[in-house]
Full PDB file with SEQRES, HELIX, SHEET, SSBOND, CRYST1, ORIGX, SCALE, CONECT and MASTER records, all heavy atoms in Angstrom:
SEQRES   1 A   30  LEU ARG GLU LEU GLN ASP GLU THR GLY GLY PHE SER VAL          
SEQRES   2 A   30  PHE ILE PRO LEU ARG PHE GLN HIS ASP SER VAL GLY ASP          
SEQRES   3 A   30  PRO ARG ASN ARG                                              
HELIX    1 AA1 ARG A    2  THR A    8  1                                   7    
CRYST1    1.000    1.000    1.000  90.00  90.00  90.00 P 1           1          
ORIGX1      1.000000  0.000000  0.000000        0.00000                         
ORIGX2      0.000000  1.000000  0.000000        0.00000                         
ORIGX3      0.000000  0.000000  1.000000        0.00000                         
SCALE1      1.000000  0.000000  0.000000        0.00000                         
SCALE2      0.000000  1.000000  0.000000        0.00000                         
SCALE3      0.000000  0.000000  1.000000        0.00000                         
ATOM      1  N   LEU A   1       6.073   6.985  13.220  1.00  0.00           N  
ATOM      2  CA  LEU A   1       6.427   8.343  13.631  1.00  0.00           C  
ATOM      3  C   LEU A   1       5.833   9.383  12.666  1.00  0.00           C  
ATOM      4  O   LEU A   1       5.375  10.440  13.118  1.00  0.00           O  
ATOM      5  CB  LEU A   1       7.956   8.479  13.725  1.00  0.00           C  
ATOM      6  CG  LEU A   1       8.617   7.659  14.837  1.00  0.00           C  
ATOM      7  CD1 LEU A   1      10.125   7.673  14.639  1.00  0.00           C  
ATOM      8  CD2 LEU A   1       8.234   8.185  16.207  1.00  0.00           C  
ATOM      9  N   ARG A   2       5.871   9.069  11.393  1.00  0.00           N  
ATOM     10  CA  ARG A   2       5.317  10.016  10.408  1.00  0.00           C  
ATOM     11  C   ARG A   2       3.829  10.249  10.643  1.00  0.00           C  
ATOM     12  O   ARG A   2       3.336  11.387  10.547  1.00  0.00           O  
ATOM     13  CB  ARG A   2       5.575   9.472   8.991  1.00  0.00           C  
ATOM     14  CG  ARG A   2       5.232  10.450   7.885  1.00  0.00           C  
ATOM     15  CD  ARG A   2       5.629   9.875   6.517  1.00  0.00           C  
ATOM     16  NE  ARG A   2       4.698   8.857   6.047  1.00  0.00           N  
ATOM     17  CZ  ARG A   2       4.804   8.261   4.859  1.00  0.00           C  
ATOM     18  NH1 ARG A   2       5.815   8.564   4.043  1.00  0.00           N  
ATOM     19  NH2 ARG A   2       3.923   7.340   4.492  1.00  0.00           N  
ATOM     20  N   GLU A   3       3.119   9.180  10.964  1.00  0.00           N  
ATOM     21  CA  GLU A   3       1.676   9.297  11.226  1.00  0.00           C  
ATOM     22  C   GLU A   3       1.436  10.120  12.493  1.00  0.00           C  
ATOM     23  O   GLU A   3       0.503  10.967  12.526  1.00  0.00           O  
ATOM     24  CB  GLU A   3       1.040   7.898  11.385  1.00  0.00           C  
ATOM     25  CG  GLU A   3      -0.446   7.907  11.600  1.00  0.00           C  
ATOM     26  CD  GLU A   3      -1.046   6.527  11.632  1.00  0.00           C  
ATOM     27  OE1 GLU A   3      -0.306   5.544  11.375  1.00  0.00           O  
ATOM     28  OE2 GLU A   3      -2.239   6.436  11.943  1.00  0.00           O  
ATOM     29  N   LEU A   4       2.225   9.923  13.525  1.00  0.00           N  
ATOM     30  CA  LEU A   4       2.094  10.714  14.752  1.00  0.00           C  
ATOM     31  C   LEU A   4       2.427  12.163  14.480  1.00  0.00           C  
ATOM     32  O   LEU A   4       1.756  13.090  14.994  1.00  0.00           O  
ATOM     33  CB  LEU A   4       2.981  10.151  15.864  1.00  0.00           C  
ATOM     34  CG  LEU A   4       2.892  10.826  17.222  1.00  0.00           C  
ATOM     35  CD1 LEU A   4       1.475  10.882  17.742  1.00  0.00           C  
ATOM     36  CD2 LEU A   4       3.819  10.117  18.208  1.00  0.00           C  
ATOM     37  N   GLN A   5       3.421  12.405  13.616  1.00  0.00           N  
ATOM     38  CA  GLN A   5       3.773  13.776  13.247  1.00  0.00           C  
ATOM     39  C   GLN A   5       2.652  14.436  12.463  1.00  0.00           C  
ATOM     40  O   GLN A   5       2.390  15.647  12.639  1.00  0.00           O  
ATOM     41  CB  GLN A   5       5.077  13.783  12.433  1.00  0.00           C  
ATOM     42  CG  GLN A   5       5.560  15.159  11.972  1.00  0.00           C  
ATOM     43  CD  GLN A   5       6.190  15.976  13.101  1.00  0.00           C  
ATOM     44  OE1 GLN A   5       5.921  15.756  14.265  1.00  0.00           O  
ATOM     45  NE2 GLN A   5       7.007  16.924  12.728  1.00  0.00           N  
ATOM     46  N   ASP A   6       1.947  13.682  11.612  1.00  0.00           N  
ATOM     47  CA  ASP A   6       0.767  14.227  10.955  1.00  0.00           C  
ATOM     48  C   ASP A   6      -0.238  14.746  11.949  1.00  0.00           C  
ATOM     49  O   ASP A   6      -0.919  15.755  11.728  1.00  0.00           O  
ATOM     50  CB  ASP A   6       0.105  13.144  10.078  1.00  0.00           C  
ATOM     51  CG  ASP A   6       0.794  12.920   8.737  1.00  0.00           C  
ATOM     52  OD1 ASP A   6       1.542  13.809   8.293  1.00  0.00           O  
ATOM     53  OD2 ASP A   6       0.567  11.848   8.142  1.00  0.00           O  
ATOM     54  N   GLU A   7      -0.352  14.027  13.061  1.00  0.00           N  
ATOM     55  CA  GLU A   7      -1.346  14.352  14.097  1.00  0.00           C  
ATOM     56  C   GLU A   7      -0.934  15.559  14.942  1.00  0.00           C  
ATOM     57  O   GLU A   7      -1.738  16.448  15.212  1.00  0.00           O  
ATOM     58  CB  GLU A   7      -1.563  13.147  14.990  1.00  0.00           C  
ATOM     59  CG  GLU A   7      -2.528  13.344  16.114  1.00  0.00           C  
ATOM     60  CD  GLU A   7      -2.563  12.141  17.045  1.00  0.00           C  
ATOM     61  OE1 GLU A   7      -2.196  11.026  16.616  1.00  0.00           O  
ATOM     62  OE2 GLU A   7      -2.980  12.325  18.213  1.00  0.00           O  
ATOM     63  N   THR A   8       0.346  15.599  15.368  1.00  0.00           N  
ATOM     64  CA  THR A   8       0.750  16.590  16.357  1.00  0.00           C  
ATOM     65  C   THR A   8       1.678  17.681  15.832  1.00  0.00           C  
ATOM     66  O   THR A   8       1.683  18.788  16.367  1.00  0.00           O  
ATOM     67  CB  THR A   8       1.473  15.920  17.544  1.00  0.00           C  
ATOM     68  OG1 THR A   8       2.757  15.446  17.110  1.00  0.00           O  
ATOM     69  CG2 THR A   8       0.655  14.765  18.114  1.00  0.00           C  
ATOM     70  N   GLY A   9       2.499  17.349  14.823  1.00  0.00           N  
ATOM     71  CA  GLY A   9       3.486  18.302  14.351  1.00  0.00           C  
ATOM     72  C   GLY A   9       4.567  18.644  15.341  1.00  0.00           C  
ATOM     73  O   GLY A   9       5.286  19.630  15.193  1.00  0.00           O  
ATOM     74  N   GLY A  10       4.731  17.796  16.391  1.00  0.00           N  
ATOM     75  CA  GLY A  10       5.623  18.165  17.480  1.00  0.00           C  
ATOM     76  C   GLY A  10       7.036  17.648  17.403  1.00  0.00           C  
ATOM     77  O   GLY A  10       7.872  17.997  18.275  1.00  0.00           O  
ATOM     78  N   PHE A  11       7.383  16.806  16.440  1.00  0.00           N  
ATOM     79  CA  PHE A  11       8.758  16.318  16.314  1.00  0.00           C  
ATOM     80  C   PHE A  11       9.587  17.343  15.573  1.00  0.00           C  
ATOM     81  O   PHE A  11       9.223  17.785  14.483  1.00  0.00           O  
ATOM     82  CB  PHE A  11       8.800  14.985  15.595  1.00  0.00           C  
ATOM     83  CG  PHE A  11       8.207  13.827  16.360  1.00  0.00           C  
ATOM     84  CD1 PHE A  11       7.212  13.043  15.817  1.00  0.00           C  
ATOM     85  CD2 PHE A  11       8.673  13.537  17.652  1.00  0.00           C  
ATOM     86  CE1 PHE A  11       6.660  11.979  16.512  1.00  0.00           C  
ATOM     87  CE2 PHE A  11       8.119  12.471  18.366  1.00  0.00           C  
ATOM     88  CZ  PHE A  11       7.113  11.706  17.802  1.00  0.00           C  
ATOM     89  N   SER A  12      10.729  17.671  16.145  1.00  0.00           N  
ATOM     90  CA  SER A  12      11.620  18.658  15.525  1.00  0.00           C  
ATOM     91  C   SER A  12      12.662  17.990  14.651  1.00  0.00           C  
ATOM     92  O   SER A  12      13.150  18.598  13.687  1.00  0.00           O  
ATOM     93  CB  SER A  12      12.326  19.492  16.594  1.00  0.00           C  
ATOM     94  OG  SER A  12      13.023  18.654  17.514  1.00  0.00           O  
ATOM     95  N   VAL A  13      13.019  16.720  14.954  1.00  0.00           N  
ATOM     96  CA  VAL A  13      14.125  16.092  14.255  1.00  0.00           C  
ATOM     97  C   VAL A  13      13.993  14.565  14.429  1.00  0.00           C  
ATOM     98  O   VAL A  13      13.483  14.082  15.438  1.00  0.00           O  
ATOM     99  CB  VAL A  13      15.478  16.595  14.818  1.00  0.00           C  
ATOM    100  CG1 VAL A  13      15.624  16.283  16.294  1.00  0.00           C  
ATOM    101  CG2 VAL A  13      16.665  16.037  14.022  1.00  0.00           C  
ATOM    102  N   PHE A  14      14.467  13.813  13.405  1.00  0.00           N  
ATOM    103  CA  PHE A  14      14.541  12.369  13.484  1.00  0.00           C  
ATOM    104  C   PHE A  14      16.013  11.986  13.524  1.00  0.00           C  
ATOM    105  O   PHE A  14      16.821  12.484  12.733  1.00  0.00           O  
ATOM    106  CB  PHE A  14      13.858  11.725  12.291  1.00  0.00           C  
ATOM    107  CG  PHE A  14      13.977  10.215  12.280  1.00  0.00           C  
ATOM    108  CD1 PHE A  14      13.496   9.476  13.341  1.00  0.00           C  
ATOM    109  CD2 PHE A  14      14.551   9.554  11.214  1.00  0.00           C  
ATOM    110  CE1 PHE A  14      13.578   8.091  13.343  1.00  0.00           C  
ATOM    111  CE2 PHE A  14      14.641   8.165  11.191  1.00  0.00           C  
ATOM    112  CZ  PHE A  14      14.155   7.420  12.278  1.00  0.00           C  
ATOM    113  N   ILE A  15      16.352  11.038  14.440  1.00  0.00           N  
ATOM    114  CA  ILE A  15      17.752  10.691  14.675  1.00  0.00           C  
ATOM    115  C   ILE A  15      17.918   9.174  14.564  1.00  0.00           C  
ATOM    116  O   ILE A  15      17.604   8.441  15.528  1.00  0.00           O  
ATOM    117  CB  ILE A  15      18.210  11.166  16.054  1.00  0.00           C  
ATOM    118  CG1 ILE A  15      17.765  12.605  16.336  1.00  0.00           C  
ATOM    119  CG2 ILE A  15      19.738  11.039  16.185  1.00  0.00           C  
ATOM    120  CD1 ILE A  15      17.896  13.016  17.796  1.00  0.00           C  
ATOM    121  N   PRO A  16      18.426   8.658  13.457  1.00  0.00           N  
ATOM    122  CA  PRO A  16      18.801   7.232  13.404  1.00  0.00           C  
ATOM    123  C   PRO A  16      20.092   7.023  14.220  1.00  0.00           C  
ATOM    124  O   PRO A  16      21.081   7.732  14.010  1.00  0.00           O  
ATOM    125  CB  PRO A  16      19.038   6.981  11.914  1.00  0.00           C  
ATOM    126  CG  PRO A  16      18.369   8.136  11.190  1.00  0.00           C  
ATOM    127  CD  PRO A  16      18.517   9.296  12.129  1.00  0.00           C  
ATOM    128  N   LEU A  17      20.050   6.093  15.148  1.00  0.00           N  
ATOM    129  CA  LEU A  17      21.187   5.813  16.028  1.00  0.00           C  
ATOM    130  C   LEU A  17      21.724   4.425  15.716  1.00  0.00           C  
ATOM    131  O   LEU A  17      20.974   3.447  15.747  1.00  0.00           O  
ATOM    132  CB  LEU A  17      20.728   5.882  17.495  1.00  0.00           C  
ATOM    133  CG  LEU A  17      20.122   7.194  17.946  1.00  0.00           C  
ATOM    134  CD1 LEU A  17      19.488   7.047  19.348  1.00  0.00           C  
ATOM    135  CD2 LEU A  17      21.158   8.308  17.934  1.00  0.00           C  
ATOM    136  N   ARG A  18      23.014   4.336  15.458  1.00  0.00           N  
ATOM    137  CA  ARG A  18      23.621   3.053  15.114  1.00  0.00           C  
ATOM    138  C   ARG A  18      23.909   2.233  16.365  1.00  0.00           C  
ATOM    139  O   ARG A  18      24.566   2.712  17.293  1.00  0.00           O  
ATOM    140  CB  ARG A  18      24.904   3.249  14.308  1.00  0.00           C  
ATOM    141  CG  ARG A  18      25.494   1.946  13.793  1.00  0.00           C  
ATOM    142  CD  ARG A  18      26.723   2.179  12.920  1.00  0.00           C  
ATOM    143  NE  ARG A  18      27.874   2.641  13.671  1.00  0.00           N  
ATOM    144  CZ  ARG A  18      29.129   2.480  13.268  1.00  0.00           C  
ATOM    145  NH1 ARG A  18      29.394   1.866  12.115  1.00  0.00           N  
ATOM    146  NH2 ARG A  18      30.114   2.925  13.990  1.00  0.00           N  
ATOM    147  N   PHE A  19      23.442   0.993  16.387  1.00  0.00           N  
ATOM    148  CA  PHE A  19      23.768   0.096  17.501  1.00  0.00           C  
ATOM    149  C   PHE A  19      25.275  -0.060  17.597  1.00  0.00           C  
ATOM    150  O   PHE A  19      25.975  -0.249  16.586  1.00  0.00           O  
ATOM    151  CB  PHE A  19      23.109  -1.265  17.293  1.00  0.00           C  
ATOM    152  CG  PHE A  19      23.685  -2.353  18.152  1.00  0.00           C  
ATOM    153  CD1 PHE A  19      23.468  -2.345  19.529  1.00  0.00           C  
ATOM    154  CD2 PHE A  19      24.481  -3.346  17.616  1.00  0.00           C  
ATOM    155  CE1 PHE A  19      24.019  -3.334  20.335  1.00  0.00           C  
ATOM    156  CE2 PHE A  19      25.038  -4.326  18.406  1.00  0.00           C  
ATOM    157  CZ  PHE A  19      24.804  -4.335  19.765  1.00  0.00           C  
ATOM    158  N   GLN A  20      25.795  -0.012  18.835  1.00  0.00           N  
ATOM    159  CA  GLN A  20      27.219  -0.094  19.083  1.00  0.00           C  
ATOM    160  C   GLN A  20      27.585  -1.411  19.740  1.00  0.00           C  
ATOM    161  O   GLN A  20      26.978  -1.822  20.727  1.00  0.00           O  
ATOM    162  CB  GLN A  20      27.649   1.042  20.022  1.00  0.00           C  
ATOM    163  CG  GLN A  20      27.302   2.430  19.524  1.00  0.00           C  
ATOM    164  CD  GLN A  20      28.173   2.867  18.383  1.00  0.00           C  
ATOM    165  OE1 GLN A  20      29.404   2.958  18.525  1.00  0.00           O  
ATOM    166  NE2 GLN A  20      27.576   3.111  17.258  1.00  0.00           N  
ATOM    167  N   HIS A  21      28.625  -2.074  19.206  1.00  0.00           N  
ATOM    168  CA  HIS A  21      29.210  -3.203  19.908  1.00  0.00           C  
ATOM    169  C   HIS A  21      29.920  -2.697  21.157  1.00  0.00           C  
ATOM    170  O   HIS A  21      30.284  -1.533  21.268  1.00  0.00           O  
ATOM    171  CB  HIS A  21      30.226  -3.906  19.010  1.00  0.00           C  
ATOM    172  CG  HIS A  21      29.607  -4.927  18.123  1.00  0.00           C  
ATOM    173  ND1 HIS A  21      30.345  -5.835  17.440  1.00  0.00           N  
ATOM    174  CD2 HIS A  21      28.304  -5.203  17.843  1.00  0.00           C  
ATOM    175  CE1 HIS A  21      29.538  -6.625  16.732  1.00  0.00           C  
ATOM    176  NE2 HIS A  21      28.295  -6.257  16.963  1.00  0.00           N  
ATOM    177  N   ASP A  22      30.141  -3.603  22.069  1.00  0.00           N  
ATOM    178  CA  ASP A  22      30.923  -3.311  23.270  1.00  0.00           C  
ATOM    179  C   ASP A  22      32.321  -3.823  23.024  1.00  0.00           C  
ATOM    180  O   ASP A  22      32.551  -5.021  22.865  1.00  0.00           O  
ATOM    181  CB  ASP A  22      30.296  -4.013  24.483  1.00  0.00           C  
ATOM    182  CG  ASP A  22      30.923  -3.549  25.769  1.00  0.00           C  
ATOM    183  OD1 ASP A  22      32.188  -3.565  25.847  1.00  0.00           O  
ATOM    184  OD2 ASP A  22      30.199  -3.193  26.699  1.00  0.00           O  
ATOM    185  N   SER A  23      33.278  -2.925  22.977  1.00  0.00           N  
ATOM    186  CA  SER A  23      34.645  -3.298  22.597  1.00  0.00           C  
ATOM    187  C   SER A  23      35.326  -4.175  23.645  1.00  0.00           C  
ATOM    188  O   SER A  23      36.321  -4.836  23.333  1.00  0.00           O  
ATOM    189  CB  SER A  23      35.487  -2.036  22.371  1.00  0.00           C  
ATOM    190  OG  SER A  23      35.585  -1.275  23.570  1.00  0.00           O  
ATOM    191  N   VAL A  24      34.806  -4.196  24.872  1.00  0.00           N  
ATOM    192  CA  VAL A  24      35.452  -5.026  25.898  1.00  0.00           C  
ATOM    193  C   VAL A  24      34.611  -6.262  26.225  1.00  0.00           C  
ATOM    194  O   VAL A  24      34.921  -7.003  27.170  1.00  0.00           O  
ATOM    195  CB  VAL A  24      35.700  -4.193  27.199  1.00  0.00           C  
ATOM    196  CG1 VAL A  24      36.675  -3.082  26.913  1.00  0.00           C  
ATOM    197  CG2 VAL A  24      34.401  -3.665  27.768  1.00  0.00           C  
ATOM    198  N   GLY A  25      33.558  -6.484  25.440  1.00  0.00           N  
ATOM    199  CA  GLY A  25      32.770  -7.702  25.623  1.00  0.00           C  
ATOM    200  C   GLY A  25      31.938  -7.721  26.879  1.00  0.00           C  
ATOM    201  O   GLY A  25      31.747  -8.771  27.503  1.00  0.00           O  
ATOM    202  N   ASP A  26      31.403  -6.571  27.285  1.00  0.00           N  
ATOM    203  CA  ASP A  26      30.545  -6.483  28.480  1.00  0.00           C  
ATOM    204  C   ASP A  26      29.338  -7.425  28.300  1.00  0.00           C  
ATOM    205  O   ASP A  26      28.634  -7.321  27.315  1.00  0.00           O  
ATOM    206  CB  ASP A  26      30.074  -5.034  28.663  1.00  0.00           C  
ATOM    207  CG  ASP A  26      29.430  -4.815  30.022  1.00  0.00           C  
ATOM    208  OD1 ASP A  26      28.622  -5.667  30.444  1.00  0.00           O  
ATOM    209  OD2 ASP A  26      29.734  -3.779  30.644  1.00  0.00           O  
ATOM    210  N   PRO A  27      29.114  -8.322  29.214  1.00  0.00           N  
ATOM    211  CA  PRO A  27      27.977  -9.268  29.064  1.00  0.00           C  
ATOM    212  C   PRO A  27      26.611  -8.595  29.066  1.00  0.00           C  
ATOM    213  O   PRO A  27      25.631  -9.205  28.689  1.00  0.00           O  
ATOM    214  CB  PRO A  27      28.153 -10.218  30.263  1.00  0.00           C  
ATOM    215  CG  PRO A  27      28.969  -9.455  31.260  1.00  0.00           C  
ATOM    216  CD  PRO A  27      29.902  -8.599  30.438  1.00  0.00           C  
ATOM    217  N   ARG A  28      26.529  -7.348  29.516  1.00  0.00           N  
ATOM    218  CA  ARG A  28      25.265  -6.644  29.486  1.00  0.00           C  
ATOM    219  C   ARG A  28      24.807  -6.428  28.029  1.00  0.00           C  
ATOM    220  O   ARG A  28      23.621  -6.335  27.744  1.00  0.00           O  
ATOM    221  CB  ARG A  28      25.399  -5.274  30.170  1.00  0.00           C  
ATOM    222  CG  ARG A  28      25.721  -5.346  31.662  1.00  0.00           C  
ATOM    223  CD  ARG A  28      25.933  -3.947  32.213  1.00  0.00           C  
ATOM    224  NE  ARG A  28      26.363  -4.001  33.613  1.00  0.00           N  
ATOM    225  CZ  ARG A  28      27.631  -4.128  33.983  1.00  0.00           C  
ATOM    226  NH1 ARG A  28      28.583  -4.258  33.063  1.00  0.00           N  
ATOM    227  NH2 ARG A  28      27.933  -4.190  35.268  1.00  0.00           N  
ATOM    228  N   ASN A  29      25.767  -6.269  27.141  1.00  0.00           N  
ATOM    229  CA  ASN A  29      25.467  -6.043  25.723  1.00  0.00           C  
ATOM    230  C   ASN A  29      25.352  -7.422  25.062  1.00  0.00           C  
ATOM    231  O   ASN A  29      26.334  -8.057  24.725  1.00  0.00           O  
ATOM    232  CB  ASN A  29      26.582  -5.224  25.078  1.00  0.00           C  
ATOM    233  CG  ASN A  29      26.216  -4.710  23.707  1.00  0.00           C  
ATOM    234  OD1 ASN A  29      25.539  -5.403  22.952  1.00  0.00           O  
ATOM    235  ND2 ASN A  29      26.666  -3.519  23.369  1.00  0.00           N  
ATOM    236  N   ARG A  30      24.099  -7.892  24.895  1.00  0.00           N  
ATOM    237  CA  ARG A  30      23.864  -9.264  24.492  1.00  0.00           C  
ATOM    238  C   ARG A  30      23.633  -9.429  22.992  1.00  0.00           C  
ATOM    239  O   ARG A  30      23.197 -10.491  22.543  1.00  0.00           O  
ATOM    240  CB  ARG A  30      22.647  -9.826  25.264  1.00  0.00           C  
ATOM    241  CG  ARG A  30      22.818  -9.766  26.776  1.00  0.00           C  
ATOM    242  CD  ARG A  30      21.769 -10.538  27.528  1.00  0.00           C  
ATOM    243  NE  ARG A  30      20.427 -10.081  27.267  1.00  0.00           N  
ATOM    244  CZ  ARG A  30      19.827  -9.037  27.858  1.00  0.00           C  
ATOM    245  NH1 ARG A  30      20.526  -8.310  28.724  1.00  0.00           N  
ATOM    246  NH2 ARG A  30      18.594  -8.691  27.572  1.00  0.00           N  
TER     247      ARG A  30                                                      
MASTER        0    0    0    1    0    0    0    6  246    1    0    3          
END                                                                             
């Protein structure tokens, strides 16, 4: 992402998103 930002300057913000467990054990969340 840093290299792409060097090229375009178009990113306004970086957002680390924490992976979430499924509290009800949904099988979709593997």
